[in-house]
N, C-alpha and C. Protein backbone atom coordinates (compact mmCIF):
# COMPACT_ATOMS: atom_id res chain seq x y z
N MET A 1 69.37 131.59 192.46
CA MET A 1 69.08 130.24 192.90
C MET A 1 67.56 130.05 193.06
N ASP A 2 66.86 131.06 193.59
CA ASP A 2 65.41 130.95 193.76
C ASP A 2 64.70 130.78 192.42
N ASP A 3 65.18 131.52 191.38
CA ASP A 3 64.57 131.40 190.06
C ASP A 3 64.74 130.00 189.49
N LEU A 4 65.92 129.40 189.70
CA LEU A 4 66.18 128.05 189.22
C LEU A 4 65.26 127.05 189.92
N CYS A 5 65.11 127.18 191.22
CA CYS A 5 64.22 126.29 191.97
C CYS A 5 62.78 126.42 191.50
N ALA A 6 62.34 127.63 191.25
CA ALA A 6 60.97 127.86 190.78
C ALA A 6 60.77 127.24 189.40
N MET A 7 61.78 127.38 188.52
CA MET A 7 61.67 126.83 187.17
C MET A 7 61.60 125.30 187.23
N LEU A 8 62.45 124.69 188.03
CA LEU A 8 62.45 123.24 188.14
C LEU A 8 61.14 122.73 188.72
N SER A 9 60.59 123.45 189.67
CA SER A 9 59.31 123.06 190.25
C SER A 9 58.20 123.12 189.21
N GLU A 10 58.19 124.17 188.40
CA GLU A 10 57.16 124.32 187.38
C GLU A 10 57.31 123.27 186.29
N CYS A 11 58.54 122.95 185.90
CA CYS A 11 58.77 121.91 184.89
C CYS A 11 58.25 120.58 185.38
N ASN A 12 58.39 120.33 186.65
CA ASN A 12 57.92 119.06 187.21
C ASN A 12 56.40 118.98 187.22
N LEU A 13 55.72 120.13 187.23
CA LEU A 13 54.26 120.15 187.25
C LEU A 13 53.66 119.93 185.86
N VAL A 14 54.44 120.21 184.81
CA VAL A 14 53.97 120.06 183.45
C VAL A 14 54.53 118.75 182.91
N GLY A 15 53.66 117.88 182.46
CA GLY A 15 54.14 116.59 181.98
C GLY A 15 53.47 116.19 180.68
N ASN A 16 54.08 115.25 180.01
CA ASN A 16 53.52 114.66 178.81
C ASN A 16 52.58 113.54 179.25
N PRO A 17 51.29 113.61 178.91
CA PRO A 17 50.34 112.60 179.38
C PRO A 17 50.59 111.21 178.80
N ARG A 18 51.46 111.10 177.80
CA ARG A 18 51.79 109.80 177.21
C ARG A 18 53.14 109.28 177.70
N GLU A 19 53.82 110.04 178.51
CA GLU A 19 55.14 109.66 179.01
C GLU A 19 55.00 108.74 180.23
N TRP A 20 55.88 107.75 180.33
CA TRP A 20 55.87 106.80 181.44
C TRP A 20 57.19 106.85 182.17
N TRP A 21 57.13 106.70 183.48
CA TRP A 21 58.32 106.68 184.32
C TRP A 21 58.43 105.31 184.99
N MET A 22 59.64 104.74 184.94
CA MET A 22 59.92 103.50 185.65
C MET A 22 60.08 103.85 187.13
N ASP A 23 59.36 103.16 187.99
CA ASP A 23 59.39 103.47 189.42
C ASP A 23 59.67 102.20 190.21
N SER A 24 60.84 102.14 190.82
CA SER A 24 61.22 100.94 191.59
C SER A 24 60.47 100.87 192.93
N GLY A 25 59.84 101.95 193.34
CA GLY A 25 59.09 101.97 194.59
C GLY A 25 57.60 101.72 194.41
N ALA A 26 57.11 101.78 193.17
CA ALA A 26 55.68 101.58 192.91
C ALA A 26 55.32 100.10 193.01
N THR A 27 54.21 99.82 193.66
CA THR A 27 53.75 98.43 193.79
C THR A 27 52.72 98.09 192.72
N ARG A 28 52.25 99.09 191.98
CA ARG A 28 51.27 98.89 190.90
C ARG A 28 51.64 99.80 189.74
N HIS A 29 51.23 99.42 188.52
CA HIS A 29 51.31 100.32 187.38
C HIS A 29 50.16 101.32 187.55
N VAL A 30 50.43 102.61 187.29
CA VAL A 30 49.40 103.63 187.48
C VAL A 30 49.42 104.59 186.30
N CYS A 31 48.24 104.93 185.78
CA CYS A 31 48.13 105.80 184.62
C CYS A 31 47.09 106.89 184.88
N ALA A 32 47.40 108.11 184.44
CA ALA A 32 46.50 109.25 184.62
C ALA A 32 45.73 109.58 183.35
N ASN A 33 46.04 108.90 182.25
CA ASN A 33 45.43 109.21 180.96
C ASN A 33 44.49 108.07 180.54
N LYS A 34 43.21 108.30 180.65
CA LYS A 34 42.22 107.25 180.35
C LYS A 34 42.27 106.81 178.89
N GLU A 35 42.71 107.70 178.01
CA GLU A 35 42.78 107.38 176.58
C GLU A 35 43.80 106.29 176.27
N LEU A 36 44.75 106.04 177.17
CA LEU A 36 45.79 105.04 176.92
C LEU A 36 45.33 103.61 177.21
N PHE A 37 44.18 103.45 177.83
CA PHE A 37 43.69 102.12 178.18
C PHE A 37 43.06 101.44 176.97
N SER A 38 43.47 100.19 176.70
CA SER A 38 42.83 99.41 175.63
C SER A 38 41.62 98.65 176.18
N THR A 39 41.64 98.33 177.48
CA THR A 39 40.46 97.82 178.18
C THR A 39 40.34 98.62 179.47
N PHE A 40 39.11 98.82 179.92
CA PHE A 40 38.90 99.64 181.12
C PHE A 40 37.66 99.18 181.86
N ASP A 41 37.79 99.01 183.17
CA ASP A 41 36.66 98.69 184.04
C ASP A 41 36.61 99.71 185.16
N PRO A 42 35.50 100.46 185.27
CA PRO A 42 35.38 101.41 186.37
C PRO A 42 35.44 100.68 187.71
N THR A 43 35.98 101.34 188.71
CA THR A 43 36.10 100.76 190.04
C THR A 43 34.71 100.57 190.64
N GLN A 44 34.44 99.38 191.17
CA GLN A 44 33.16 99.08 191.80
C GLN A 44 33.18 99.41 193.30
N VAL A 45 34.35 99.21 193.91
CA VAL A 45 34.53 99.46 195.34
C VAL A 45 35.56 100.57 195.48
N GLU A 46 35.31 101.48 196.41
CA GLU A 46 36.25 102.60 196.59
C GLU A 46 37.64 102.08 196.94
N GLU A 47 38.61 102.50 196.15
CA GLU A 47 40.00 102.11 196.37
C GLU A 47 40.85 103.37 196.29
N LYS A 48 41.85 103.44 197.14
CA LYS A 48 42.75 104.60 197.15
C LYS A 48 44.19 104.11 197.12
N ILE A 49 45.07 104.96 196.62
CA ILE A 49 46.49 104.64 196.66
C ILE A 49 47.21 105.72 197.46
N TYR A 50 48.27 105.30 198.10
CA TYR A 50 49.11 106.21 198.86
C TYR A 50 50.34 106.49 198.04
N MET A 51 50.60 107.77 197.79
CA MET A 51 51.70 108.15 196.92
C MET A 51 52.93 108.56 197.72
N GLY A 52 54.05 108.63 197.00
CA GLY A 52 55.33 108.92 197.63
C GLY A 52 55.39 110.26 198.34
N ASN A 53 54.56 111.21 197.94
CA ASN A 53 54.58 112.53 198.59
C ASN A 53 53.58 112.60 199.74
N SER A 54 53.17 111.44 200.24
CA SER A 54 52.28 111.30 201.40
C SER A 54 50.84 111.73 201.14
N THR A 55 50.44 111.84 199.88
CA THR A 55 49.05 112.15 199.57
C THR A 55 48.30 110.87 199.20
N ILE A 56 46.99 110.96 199.23
CA ILE A 56 46.12 109.83 198.90
C ILE A 56 45.33 110.21 197.65
N ALA A 57 45.21 109.26 196.72
CA ALA A 57 44.46 109.52 195.49
C ALA A 57 43.44 108.40 195.26
N LYS A 58 42.33 108.76 194.65
CA LYS A 58 41.25 107.80 194.38
C LYS A 58 41.53 107.04 193.09
N VAL A 59 41.38 105.72 193.14
CA VAL A 59 41.48 104.87 191.96
C VAL A 59 40.11 104.86 191.29
N GLU A 60 40.07 105.24 190.01
CA GLU A 60 38.79 105.36 189.30
C GLU A 60 38.49 104.16 188.41
N GLY A 61 39.47 103.28 188.22
CA GLY A 61 39.26 102.10 187.39
C GLY A 61 40.55 101.35 187.18
N THR A 62 40.45 100.22 186.47
CA THR A 62 41.62 99.42 186.14
C THR A 62 41.48 98.92 184.71
N GLY A 63 42.60 98.53 184.13
CA GLY A 63 42.55 98.00 182.78
C GLY A 63 43.91 97.66 182.24
N LYS A 64 43.95 97.51 180.92
CA LYS A 64 45.17 97.13 180.23
C LYS A 64 45.67 98.29 179.38
N VAL A 65 46.99 98.52 179.41
CA VAL A 65 47.63 99.55 178.60
C VAL A 65 48.72 98.89 177.78
N CYS A 66 48.74 99.17 176.48
CA CYS A 66 49.78 98.64 175.59
C CYS A 66 50.68 99.79 175.16
N LEU A 67 51.97 99.66 175.45
CA LEU A 67 52.93 100.72 175.14
C LEU A 67 53.83 100.27 173.99
N LYS A 68 53.87 101.05 172.92
CA LYS A 68 54.73 100.72 171.79
C LYS A 68 56.11 101.32 172.02
N MET A 69 57.11 100.45 172.02
CA MET A 69 58.49 100.88 172.24
C MET A 69 59.09 101.42 170.93
N THR A 70 60.19 102.15 171.05
CA THR A 70 60.85 102.67 169.85
C THR A 70 61.39 101.54 168.98
N SER A 71 61.60 100.36 169.57
CA SER A 71 62.07 99.19 168.82
C SER A 71 60.95 98.55 168.01
N GLY A 72 59.71 98.99 168.25
CA GLY A 72 58.56 98.41 167.58
C GLY A 72 57.86 97.35 168.42
N LYS A 73 58.52 96.89 169.47
CA LYS A 73 57.90 95.90 170.36
C LYS A 73 56.82 96.58 171.19
N VAL A 74 55.88 95.77 171.68
CA VAL A 74 54.79 96.30 172.50
C VAL A 74 54.90 95.71 173.90
N LEU A 75 54.87 96.59 174.89
CA LEU A 75 54.85 96.18 176.29
C LEU A 75 53.41 96.29 176.77
N THR A 76 52.85 95.17 177.20
CA THR A 76 51.47 95.16 177.71
C THR A 76 51.49 95.18 179.23
N LEU A 77 50.84 96.18 179.79
CA LEU A 77 50.71 96.31 181.24
C LEU A 77 49.29 95.94 181.62
N ASN A 78 49.15 94.94 182.47
CA ASN A 78 47.83 94.49 182.92
C ASN A 78 47.52 95.04 184.31
N ASN A 79 46.25 95.12 184.64
CA ASN A 79 45.80 95.59 185.96
C ASN A 79 46.37 96.97 186.31
N VAL A 80 46.39 97.85 185.32
CA VAL A 80 46.87 99.22 185.53
C VAL A 80 45.77 100.02 186.22
N LEU A 81 46.16 100.75 187.25
CA LEU A 81 45.20 101.60 187.96
C LEU A 81 45.03 102.92 187.20
N TYR A 82 43.80 103.39 187.09
CA TYR A 82 43.53 104.71 186.53
C TYR A 82 43.33 105.69 187.67
N VAL A 83 44.24 106.66 187.76
CA VAL A 83 44.18 107.69 188.81
C VAL A 83 44.36 109.03 188.11
N SER A 84 43.26 109.75 187.90
CA SER A 84 43.30 110.99 187.12
C SER A 84 44.11 112.09 187.81
N GLU A 85 44.27 112.01 189.12
CA GLU A 85 45.00 113.04 189.87
C GLU A 85 46.52 112.95 189.68
N LEU A 86 46.99 111.84 189.17
CA LEU A 86 48.42 111.60 189.04
C LEU A 86 49.04 112.52 187.99
N ARG A 87 50.27 112.97 188.22
CA ARG A 87 50.97 113.81 187.25
C ARG A 87 51.87 113.01 186.32
N LYS A 88 52.27 111.83 186.74
CA LYS A 88 53.17 110.99 185.95
C LYS A 88 52.59 109.58 185.87
N ASN A 89 52.65 108.99 184.70
CA ASN A 89 52.27 107.59 184.55
C ASN A 89 53.44 106.75 185.04
N LEU A 90 53.16 105.74 185.86
CA LEU A 90 54.22 104.97 186.50
C LEU A 90 54.17 103.50 186.11
N ILE A 91 55.35 102.96 185.78
CA ILE A 91 55.51 101.53 185.55
C ILE A 91 56.20 100.96 186.78
N SER A 92 55.58 100.00 187.41
CA SER A 92 56.17 99.34 188.57
C SER A 92 57.23 98.36 188.09
N VAL A 93 58.48 98.62 188.42
CA VAL A 93 59.59 97.77 188.00
C VAL A 93 59.40 96.35 188.53
N SER A 94 58.92 96.22 189.76
CA SER A 94 58.78 94.89 190.37
C SER A 94 57.70 94.04 189.70
N LEU A 95 56.79 94.65 188.94
CA LEU A 95 55.74 93.89 188.27
C LEU A 95 56.10 93.48 186.84
N LEU A 96 57.23 93.97 186.34
CA LEU A 96 57.63 93.63 184.98
C LEU A 96 58.16 92.21 184.91
N ASP A 97 57.82 91.50 183.86
CA ASP A 97 58.31 90.14 183.63
C ASP A 97 59.55 90.20 182.75
N ILE A 98 60.68 90.57 183.36
CA ILE A 98 61.92 90.66 182.57
C ILE A 98 63.00 89.81 183.19
């Protein structure tokens, strides 16, 4: 059982930097991969976000990210926060226009 727990923990630490997770608890879209931004503005005023695991991370900028779906459609996310410390890119379900 301990080996299984250790393996699952390690798998959770390794992620695909282009992968996105839908998060019903996120209040903002957040991305850790600066290369995914089509527009980017560095943060002028210090801003931090509070994450689900009770840690605080620095916001380094904001911008627009365009995600190409397997259907060929493009989902454009505006005002995405760039947080390099993040392990998973998050899409805020509440901010989607669906």
